[in-house]
């Protein structure tokens, strides 16, 4: 199976295009809502929590629920203690929720709401089935400066104990072997990254 782990927070302008690009070619989407202290507000987060909503306040959730009528999507909200929702401590805490939903041997596809899967996406499943590596890179294209393409590990075959570390780019297995030094790379499929593009 291919499990897409989608992290989002107030992404109503982009999340629909993201889902349209990934839902037809994955088996399930785990969509995790909520702000994170490290990437959104850092050290100020805990002082400002009372003034902020730790989950999306735009129409992102409604877009996801509408798409879930046609696709297998599970929506996960921030933690709740009593009547209080608690922000995620960092992005990879959110992503590990999705990893936990995958079975051993499943492919975990880490994607953000401002990214779209493009190219010959109909070949994705076949390419992953033929892959010998447990982590696969994909080319990322971005339309904003510096406009250069780069490759990033986005697909991980789940192994026992696999999880994202606090380091934004670090994935390890149960023996703490680094899984981010991927050697394999997808052909004719790429990520279109819309971050920082003016709407």
C-alpha atoms as a PDB file:
ATOM      1  CA  UNK A   1       0.000   0.000   0.000  1.00  0.00           C
ATOM      2  CA  UNK A   2       0.984   3.633  -0.485  1.00  0.00           C
ATOM      3  CA  UNK A   3       0.069   5.857   2.470  1.00  0.00           C
ATOM      4  CA  UNK A   4       0.326   9.631   1.941  1.00  0.00           C
ATOM      5  CA  UNK A   5       1.100  11.544   5.129  1.00  0.00           C
ATOM      6  CA  UNK A   6      -0.222  15.057   4.588  1.00  0.00           C
ATOM      7  CA  UNK A   7       0.605  17.821   7.064  1.00  0.00           C
ATOM      8  CA  UNK A   8      -1.407  21.050   6.835  1.00  0.00           C
ATOM      9  CA  UNK A   9      -2.489  24.186   8.682  1.00  0.00           C
ATOM     10  CA  UNK A  10      -4.749  26.821   7.072  1.00  0.00           C
ATOM     11  CA  UNK A  11      -3.960  25.770   3.487  1.00  0.00           C
ATOM     12  CA  UNK A  12      -7.358  26.267   1.820  1.00  0.00           C
ATOM     13  CA  UNK A  13      -5.781  27.833  -1.289  1.00  0.00           C
ATOM     14  CA  UNK A  14      -3.509  24.865  -1.985  1.00  0.00           C
ATOM     15  CA  UNK A  15      -4.747  21.716  -0.276  1.00  0.00           C
ATOM     16  CA  UNK A  16      -7.396  20.919  -2.895  1.00  0.00           C
ATOM     17  CA  UNK A  17      -4.801  20.814  -5.680  1.00  0.00           C
ATOM     18  CA  UNK A  18      -2.538  18.698  -3.503  1.00  0.00           C
ATOM     19  CA  UNK A  19      -5.268  16.138  -2.841  1.00  0.00           C
ATOM     20  CA  UNK A  20      -6.316  16.063  -6.495  1.00  0.00           C
ATOM     21  CA  UNK A  21      -2.755  15.147  -7.428  1.00  0.00           C
ATOM     22  CA  UNK A  22      -2.127  12.418  -4.840  1.00  0.00           C
ATOM     23  CA  UNK A  23      -5.484  10.759  -4.099  1.00  0.00           C
ATOM     24  CA  UNK A  24      -5.824   8.919  -7.440  1.00  0.00           C
ATOM     25  CA  UNK A  25      -2.435   7.196  -7.029  1.00  0.00           C
ATOM     26  CA  UNK A  26      -2.248   6.362  -3.292  1.00  0.00           C
ATOM     27  CA  UNK A  27      -4.311   3.932  -1.217  1.00  0.00           C
ATOM     28  CA  UNK A  28      -4.912   6.202   1.764  1.00  0.00           C
ATOM     29  CA  UNK A  29      -4.243   9.760   2.887  1.00  0.00           C
ATOM     30  CA  UNK A  30      -3.597  10.569   6.539  1.00  0.00           C
ATOM     31  CA  UNK A  31      -4.260  14.314   6.798  1.00  0.00           C
ATOM     32  CA  UNK A  32      -2.958  15.798  10.041  1.00  0.00           C
ATOM     33  CA  UNK A  33      -4.227  19.260  10.946  1.00  0.00           C
ATOM     34  CA  UNK A  34      -2.643  21.761  13.284  1.00  0.00           C
ATOM     35  CA  UNK A  35       0.072  24.323  13.822  1.00  0.00           C
ATOM     36  CA  UNK A  36       3.458  23.359  15.198  1.00  0.00           C
ATOM     37  CA  UNK A  37       5.474  25.277  17.754  1.00  0.00           C
ATOM     38  CA  UNK A  38       8.815  24.922  15.996  1.00  0.00           C
ATOM     39  CA  UNK A  39       7.871  26.032  12.480  1.00  0.00           C
ATOM     40  CA  UNK A  40       5.021  28.440  13.188  1.00  0.00           C
ATOM     41  CA  UNK A  41       5.806  30.296  16.410  1.00  0.00           C
ATOM     42  CA  UNK A  42       8.930  28.719  17.924  1.00  0.00           C
ATOM     43  CA  UNK A  43       9.729  29.940  21.443  1.00  0.00           C
ATOM     44  CA  UNK A  44       6.800  32.370  21.497  1.00  0.00           C
ATOM     45  CA  UNK A  45       4.317  29.584  20.915  1.00  0.00           C
ATOM     46  CA  UNK A  46       3.634  28.662  24.529  1.00  0.00           C
ATOM     47  CA  UNK A  47       3.028  32.283  25.482  1.00  0.00           C
ATOM     48  CA  UNK A  48       0.601  32.844  22.615  1.00  0.00           C
ATOM     49  CA  UNK A  49      -1.378  29.590  22.731  1.00  0.00           C
ATOM     50  CA  UNK A  50      -4.284  31.179  24.636  1.00  0.00           C
ATOM     51  CA  UNK A  51      -4.699  33.680  21.771  1.00  0.00           C
ATOM     52  CA  UNK A  52      -4.372  31.159  18.935  1.00  0.00           C
ATOM     53  CA  UNK A  53      -6.309  28.236  17.514  1.00  0.00           C
ATOM     54  CA  UNK A  54      -3.958  25.245  17.140  1.00  0.00           C
ATOM     55  CA  UNK A  55      -6.097  23.781  14.337  1.00  0.00           C
ATOM     56  CA  UNK A  56      -7.034  25.226  10.948  1.00  0.00           C
ATOM     57  CA  UNK A  57      -9.622  27.990  11.013  1.00  0.00           C
ATOM     58  CA  UNK A  58     -10.102  28.299   7.245  1.00  0.00           C
ATOM     59  CA  UNK A  59     -11.933  25.879   4.917  1.00  0.00           C
ATOM     60  CA  UNK A  60      -9.102  23.313   4.724  1.00  0.00           C
ATOM     61  CA  UNK A  61     -11.054  20.775   6.774  1.00  0.00           C
ATOM     62  CA  UNK A  62     -14.177  21.195   4.623  1.00  0.00           C
ATOM     63  CA  UNK A  63     -12.147  20.615   1.451  1.00  0.00           C
ATOM     64  CA  UNK A  64     -10.687  17.428   2.923  1.00  0.00           C
ATOM     65  CA  UNK A  65     -14.078  16.145   4.056  1.00  0.00           C
ATOM     66  CA  UNK A  66     -15.500  16.776   0.590  1.00  0.00           C
ATOM     67  CA  UNK A  67     -12.635  14.859  -1.033  1.00  0.00           C
ATOM     68  CA  UNK A  68     -13.111  12.019   1.457  1.00  0.00           C
ATOM     69  CA  UNK A  69     -16.455  11.227  -0.172  1.00  0.00           C
ATOM     70  CA  UNK A  70     -14.508   9.891  -3.154  1.00  0.00           C
ATOM     71  CA  UNK A  71     -11.159   8.903  -1.635  1.00  0.00           C
ATOM     72  CA  UNK A  72      -9.832   7.115   1.443  1.00  0.00           C
ATOM     73  CA  UNK A  73      -8.810  10.026   3.671  1.00  0.00           C
ATOM     74  CA  UNK A  74      -8.466  10.035   7.451  1.00  0.00           C
ATOM     75  CA  UNK A  75      -8.471  13.453   9.131  1.00  0.00           C
ATOM     76  CA  UNK A  76      -6.575  13.820  12.404  1.00  0.00           C
ATOM     77  CA  UNK A  77      -6.835  16.835  14.711  1.00  0.00           C
ATOM     78  CA  UNK A  78      -4.386  18.205  17.307  1.00  0.00           C
ATOM     79  CA  UNK A  79      -4.251  16.610  20.718  1.00  0.00           C
ATOM     80  CA  UNK A  80      -6.939  17.584  23.180  1.00  0.00           C
ATOM     81  CA  UNK A  81      -6.569  17.792  26.959  1.00  0.00           C
ATOM     82  CA  UNK A  82      -9.923  18.556  28.515  1.00  0.00           C
ATOM     83  CA  UNK A  83     -11.332  21.485  26.573  1.00  0.00           C
ATOM     84  CA  UNK A  84      -7.917  22.604  25.328  1.00  0.00           C
ATOM     85  CA  UNK A  85      -6.292  21.671  22.013  1.00  0.00           C
ATOM     86  CA  UNK A  86      -2.503  21.483  22.203  1.00  0.00           C
ATOM     87  CA  UNK A  87      -0.319  22.397  19.201  1.00  0.00           C
ATOM     88  CA  UNK A  88       2.040  19.772  17.830  1.00  0.00           C
ATOM     89  CA  UNK A  89       5.543  20.285  19.172  1.00  0.00           C
ATOM     90  CA  UNK A  90       7.177  19.942  15.742  1.00  0.00           C
ATOM     91  CA  UNK A  91       6.312  18.858  12.190  1.00  0.00           C
ATOM     92  CA  UNK A  92       7.714  15.374  12.552  1.00  0.00           C
ATOM     93  CA  UNK A  93       5.495  14.699  15.555  1.00  0.00           C
ATOM     94  CA  UNK A  94       2.586  15.164  13.146  1.00  0.00           C
ATOM     95  CA  UNK A  95       4.194  12.988  10.467  1.00  0.00           C
ATOM     96  CA  UNK A  96       4.834  10.145  12.899  1.00  0.00           C
ATOM     97  CA  UNK A  97       1.072   9.927  13.451  1.00  0.00           C
ATOM     98  CA  UNK A  98       0.823   8.997   9.779  1.00  0.00           C
ATOM     99  CA  UNK A  99       3.737   6.561   9.967  1.00  0.00           C
ATOM    100  CA  UNK A 100       1.945   4.767  12.812  1.00  0.00           C
ATOM    101  CA  UNK A 101      -1.083   4.266  10.545  1.00  0.00           C
ATOM    102  CA  UNK A 102       0.994   2.376   7.956  1.00  0.00           C
ATOM    103  CA  UNK A 103       1.696  -1.343   8.073  1.00  0.00           C
ATOM    104  CA  UNK A 104       5.124  -2.952   7.837  1.00  0.00           C
ATOM    105  CA  UNK A 105       6.166  -2.929   4.179  1.00  0.00           C
ATOM    106  CA  UNK A 106       3.792  -0.119   3.204  1.00  0.00           C
ATOM    107  CA  UNK A 107       5.237   2.928   1.437  1.00  0.00           C
ATOM    108  CA  UNK A 108       4.925   6.167   3.429  1.00  0.00           C
ATOM    109  CA  UNK A 109       4.790   9.251   1.206  1.00  0.00           C
ATOM    110  CA  UNK A 110       5.562  12.462   3.126  1.00  0.00           C
ATOM    111  CA  UNK A 111       3.834  15.414   1.444  1.00  0.00           C
ATOM    112  CA  UNK A 112       2.853  18.940   2.451  1.00  0.00           C
ATOM    113  CA  UNK A 113      -0.291  20.800   1.440  1.00  0.00           C
ATOM    114  CA  UNK A 114       1.632  23.211  -0.790  1.00  0.00           C
ATOM    115  CA  UNK A 115       3.027  20.352  -2.902  1.00  0.00           C
ATOM    116  CA  UNK A 116       1.551  18.569  -5.914  1.00  0.00           C
ATOM    117  CA  UNK A 117       2.562  15.245  -7.440  1.00  0.00           C
ATOM    118  CA  UNK A 118       3.016  15.689 -11.181  1.00  0.00           C
ATOM    119  CA  UNK A 119       4.377  13.961 -14.275  1.00  0.00           C
ATOM    120  CA  UNK A 120       3.679  10.310 -15.132  1.00  0.00           C
ATOM    121  CA  UNK A 121       2.064   9.620 -11.772  1.00  0.00           C
ATOM    122  CA  UNK A 122       0.330   6.527 -13.135  1.00  0.00           C
ATOM    123  CA  UNK A 123       3.724   4.792 -12.980  1.00  0.00           C
ATOM    124  CA  UNK A 124       4.243   5.490  -9.265  1.00  0.00           C
ATOM    125  CA  UNK A 125       3.002   2.148  -7.956  1.00  0.00           C
ATOM    126  CA  UNK A 126       5.032   0.132 -10.453  1.00  0.00           C
ATOM    127  CA  UNK A 127       8.199   2.091  -9.706  1.00  0.00           C
ATOM    128  CA  UNK A 128       7.810   1.573  -5.949  1.00  0.00           C
ATOM    129  CA  UNK A 129       7.085  -2.140  -6.397  1.00  0.00           C
ATOM    130  CA  UNK A 130      10.321  -2.534  -8.343  1.00  0.00           C
ATOM    131  CA  UNK A 131      12.393  -0.477  -5.898  1.00  0.00           C
ATOM    132  CA  UNK A 132      15.112  -2.318  -4.001  1.00  0.00           C
ATOM    133  CA  UNK A 133      15.829   0.573  -1.627  1.00  0.00           C
ATOM    134  CA  UNK A 134      13.732   1.404   1.439  1.00  0.00           C
ATOM    135  CA  UNK A 135      13.809   5.132   0.737  1.00  0.00           C
ATOM    136  CA  UNK A 136      13.261   6.833  -2.599  1.00  0.00           C
ATOM    137  CA  UNK A 137      13.936  10.407  -3.695  1.00  0.00           C
ATOM    138  CA  UNK A 138      11.804  12.519  -5.980  1.00  0.00           C
ATOM    139  CA  UNK A 139      12.690  15.669  -7.897  1.00  0.00           C
ATOM    140  CA  UNK A 140      11.183  18.840  -6.408  1.00  0.00           C
ATOM    141  CA  UNK A 141      10.554  21.815  -8.684  1.00  0.00           C
ATOM    142  CA  UNK A 142       9.798  25.259  -7.302  1.00  0.00           C
ATOM    143  CA  UNK A 143       8.628  28.359  -9.187  1.00  0.00           C
ATOM    144  CA  UNK A 144      10.163  30.863  -6.775  1.00  0.00           C
ATOM    145  CA  UNK A 145      13.805  31.970  -6.399  1.00  0.00           C
ATOM    146  CA  UNK A 146      16.299  30.361  -6.643  1.00  0.00           C
ATOM    147  CA  UNK A 147      14.135  28.324  -9.066  1.00  0.00           C
ATOM    148  CA  UNK A 148      16.499  25.361  -8.990  1.00  0.00           C
ATOM    149  CA  UNK A 149      15.327  21.756  -8.934  1.00  0.00           C
ATOM    150  CA  UNK A 150      16.525  19.438  -6.194  1.00  0.00           C
ATOM    151  CA  UNK A 151      15.814  15.883  -5.081  1.00  0.00           C
ATOM    152  CA  UNK A 152      14.422  14.951  -1.695  1.00  0.00           C
ATOM    153  CA  UNK A 153      13.606  11.616   0.002  1.00  0.00           C
ATOM    154  CA  UNK A 154       9.811  11.507   0.166  1.00  0.00           C
ATOM    155  CA  UNK A 155       8.986   7.785  -0.001  1.00  0.00           C
ATOM    156  CA  UNK A 156       9.907   5.358   2.790  1.00  0.00           C
ATOM    157  CA  UNK A 157       9.139   1.646   2.972  1.00  0.00           C
ATOM    158  CA  UNK A 158       7.987   1.135   6.542  1.00  0.00           C
ATOM    159  CA  UNK A 159      10.250  -0.939   8.753  1.00  0.00           C
ATOM    160  CA  UNK A 160       9.824  -1.929  12.387  1.00  0.00           C
ATOM    161  CA  UNK A 161      10.326   1.109  14.620  1.00  0.00           C
ATOM    162  CA  UNK A 162      10.612   3.553  11.711  1.00  0.00           C
ATOM    163  CA  UNK A 163       9.967   7.177  12.633  1.00  0.00           C
ATOM    164  CA  UNK A 164      10.834  10.764  11.765  1.00  0.00           C
ATOM    165  CA  UNK A 165      13.289  12.346  14.208  1.00  0.00           C
ATOM    166  CA  UNK A 166      13.104  15.901  15.496  1.00  0.00           C
ATOM    167  CA  UNK A 167      15.504  16.860  12.714  1.00  0.00           C
ATOM    168  CA  UNK A 168      13.222  17.979   9.866  1.00  0.00           C
ATOM    169  CA  UNK A 169      14.935  15.758   7.280  1.00  0.00           C
ATOM    170  CA  UNK A 170      15.808  12.717   9.408  1.00  0.00           C
ATOM    171  CA  UNK A 171      14.032   9.351   9.186  1.00  0.00           C
ATOM    172  CA  UNK A 172      15.420   6.327  11.036  1.00  0.00           C
ATOM    173  CA  UNK A 173      14.403   2.712  11.438  1.00  0.00           C
ATOM    174  CA  UNK A 174      14.045   0.812  14.706  1.00  0.00           C
ATOM    175  CA  UNK A 175      17.817   0.291  14.882  1.00  0.00           C
ATOM    176  CA  UNK A 176      18.400   4.040  14.371  1.00  0.00           C
ATOM    177  CA  UNK A 177      19.828   3.516  10.907  1.00  0.00           C
ATOM    178  CA  UNK A 178      19.502   6.693   8.842  1.00  0.00           C
ATOM    179  CA  UNK A 179      16.971   6.218   6.028  1.00  0.00           C
ATOM    180  CA  UNK A 180      17.312   9.658   4.452  1.00  0.00           C
ATOM    181  CA  UNK A 181      20.392   8.872   2.340  1.00  0.00           C
ATOM    182  CA  UNK A 182      18.198   7.505  -0.422  1.00  0.00           C
ATOM    183  CA  UNK A 183      19.932   6.253  -3.546  1.00  0.00           C
ATOM    184  CA  UNK A 184      16.848   5.455  -5.602  1.00  0.00           C
ATOM    185  CA  UNK A 185      14.952   8.189  -7.425  1.00  0.00           C
ATOM    186  CA  UNK A 186      11.621   8.167  -9.240  1.00  0.00           C
ATOM    187  CA  UNK A 187      11.603   8.635 -13.002  1.00  0.00           C
ATOM    188  CA  UNK A 188       9.258  11.027 -14.837  1.00  0.00           C
ATOM    189  CA  UNK A 189       7.428  12.003 -11.622  1.00  0.00           C
ATOM    190  CA  UNK A 190       8.120  15.157  -9.642  1.00  0.00           C
ATOM    191  CA  UNK A 191       6.830  17.405  -6.868  1.00  0.00           C
ATOM    192  CA  UNK A 192       5.637  20.925  -7.721  1.00  0.00           C
ATOM    193  CA  UNK A 193       6.279  23.015  -4.614  1.00  0.00           C
ATOM    194  CA  UNK A 194       4.109  26.127  -4.422  1.00  0.00           C
ATOM    195  CA  UNK A 195       5.417  27.491  -1.129  1.00  0.00           C
ATOM    196  CA  UNK A 196       5.972  31.249  -1.097  1.00  0.00           C
ATOM    197  CA  UNK A 197       4.192  31.679  -4.447  1.00  0.00           C
ATOM    198  CA  UNK A 198       2.053  34.800  -4.269  1.00  0.00           C
ATOM    199  CA  UNK A 199      -1.652  34.063  -4.592  1.00  0.00           C
END
